[in-house]
Amino acid sequence: MIMGSHLYYLIEVLDEKEFISICKKFGKVMREAHLQILDPIWKAHPELLAEELGGEYKIDKNMHTMTQSPNLKNRTHATLNSQ
C-alpha cells in the first residue's frame, strides 16, 4: 500500500506529535475509502473480498512485503493509541 509505506518514511522525519497527527488523518482517509469506495464494490462483487476480510479471494502474501524502519520499534501501537 503506497500510503502505508509513506508512514514508514514519515516516522524517520517527523517528531512524535506530528507523526501521531498524520496517523490519525491517515486513518480517517482509509475509513472513508473503505466506506465510500470498497464496501460498495464488495457488495456488488463479493468474489473480490479477500480471505482476511471473510471472503474467498486469495491475496499473494509476497505482494505486501516491505522493509520496516528500524525506528518503528520505538513507536508502538500503545504510543499511537495513547494520543
Protein backbone atom coordinates (compact mmCIF):
# COMPACT_ATOMS: atom_id res chain seq x y z
CA MET A 1 0.00 0.00 0.00
CA ILE A 2 1.51 3.27 -1.10
CA MET A 3 0.13 5.43 1.72
CA GLY A 4 1.18 2.93 4.37
CA SER A 5 4.73 2.81 3.07
CA HIS A 6 4.92 6.59 3.36
CA LEU A 7 4.24 6.26 7.09
CA TYR A 8 7.49 4.30 7.39
CA TYR A 9 9.31 7.24 5.84
CA LEU A 10 7.50 9.82 7.98
CA ILE A 11 8.40 8.08 11.22
CA GLU A 12 12.00 8.98 10.39
CA VAL A 13 11.46 12.67 9.70
CA LEU A 14 8.62 13.84 11.97
CA ASP A 15 8.57 14.29 15.71
CA GLU A 16 6.21 12.03 17.66
CA LYS A 17 3.35 14.55 17.93
CA GLU A 18 3.38 15.27 14.18
CA PHE A 19 3.62 11.57 13.36
CA ILE A 20 0.60 10.73 15.53
CA SER A 21 -1.39 13.54 13.93
CA ILE A 22 -0.58 12.22 10.44
CA CYS A 23 -1.51 8.67 11.50
CA LYS A 24 -4.91 9.84 12.73
CA LYS A 25 -5.55 11.69 9.46
CA PHE A 26 -4.39 8.64 7.51
CA GLY A 27 -6.87 6.54 9.49
CA LYS A 28 -9.74 8.89 8.62
CA VAL A 29 -8.87 8.74 4.92
CA MET A 30 -8.68 4.95 4.99
CA ARG A 31 -12.04 4.73 6.81
CA GLU A 32 -13.75 6.91 4.21
CA ALA A 33 -12.15 5.00 1.34
CA HIS A 34 -13.40 1.78 2.88
CA LEU A 35 -16.95 3.05 3.45
CA GLN A 36 -17.40 5.07 0.25
CA ILE A 37 -15.42 3.00 -2.27
CA LEU A 38 -14.55 -0.51 -1.15
CA ASP A 39 -17.78 -1.52 0.62
CA PRO A 40 -19.96 -0.77 -2.44
CA ILE A 41 -17.53 -2.67 -4.70
CA TRP A 42 -17.51 -5.71 -2.40
CA LYS A 43 -21.30 -5.68 -2.12
CA ALA A 44 -21.60 -5.67 -5.91
CA HIS A 45 -18.73 -8.16 -6.41
CA PRO A 46 -18.35 -10.36 -3.30
CA GLU A 47 -15.88 -12.58 -5.17
CA LEU A 48 -13.34 -9.74 -4.75
CA LEU A 49 -13.47 -9.74 -0.94
CA ALA A 50 -10.18 -11.02 0.49
CA GLU A 51 -9.99 -14.08 2.74
CA GLU A 52 -8.67 -11.86 5.54
CA LEU A 53 -11.97 -9.96 5.41
CA GLY A 54 -14.17 -13.05 5.28
CA GLY A 55 -14.22 -13.53 1.52
CA GLU A 56 -12.80 -16.11 -0.81
CA TYR A 57 -10.24 -14.03 -2.77
CA LYS A 58 -6.67 -15.18 -2.10
CA ILE A 59 -4.07 -12.42 -1.98
CA ASP A 60 -0.45 -13.26 -2.80
CA LYS A 61 1.36 -12.80 0.53
CA ASN A 62 4.54 -11.64 -1.25
CA MET A 63 2.68 -8.63 -2.61
CA HIS A 64 2.64 -6.90 0.80
CA THR A 65 6.25 -7.31 1.90
CA MET A 66 8.17 -4.16 2.75
CA THR A 67 11.20 -3.22 4.76
CA GLN A 68 10.27 -1.72 8.07
CA SER A 69 12.06 1.25 9.53
CA PRO A 70 14.40 0.33 12.40
CA ASN A 71 12.87 3.22 14.39
CA LEU A 72 9.40 1.71 14.09
CA LYS A 73 10.23 -0.49 17.06
CA ASN A 74 10.49 2.66 19.19
CA ARG A 75 6.93 3.76 18.42
CA THR A 76 4.48 1.13 19.49
CA HIS A 77 0.75 0.84 18.99
CA ALA A 78 0.42 1.84 22.63
CA THR A 79 2.11 5.15 21.85
CA LEU A 80 -0.25 5.81 18.95
CA ASN A 81 -3.31 4.76 20.94
CA SER A 82 -2.41 6.94 23.91
CA GLN A 83 -2.94 10.16 21.95
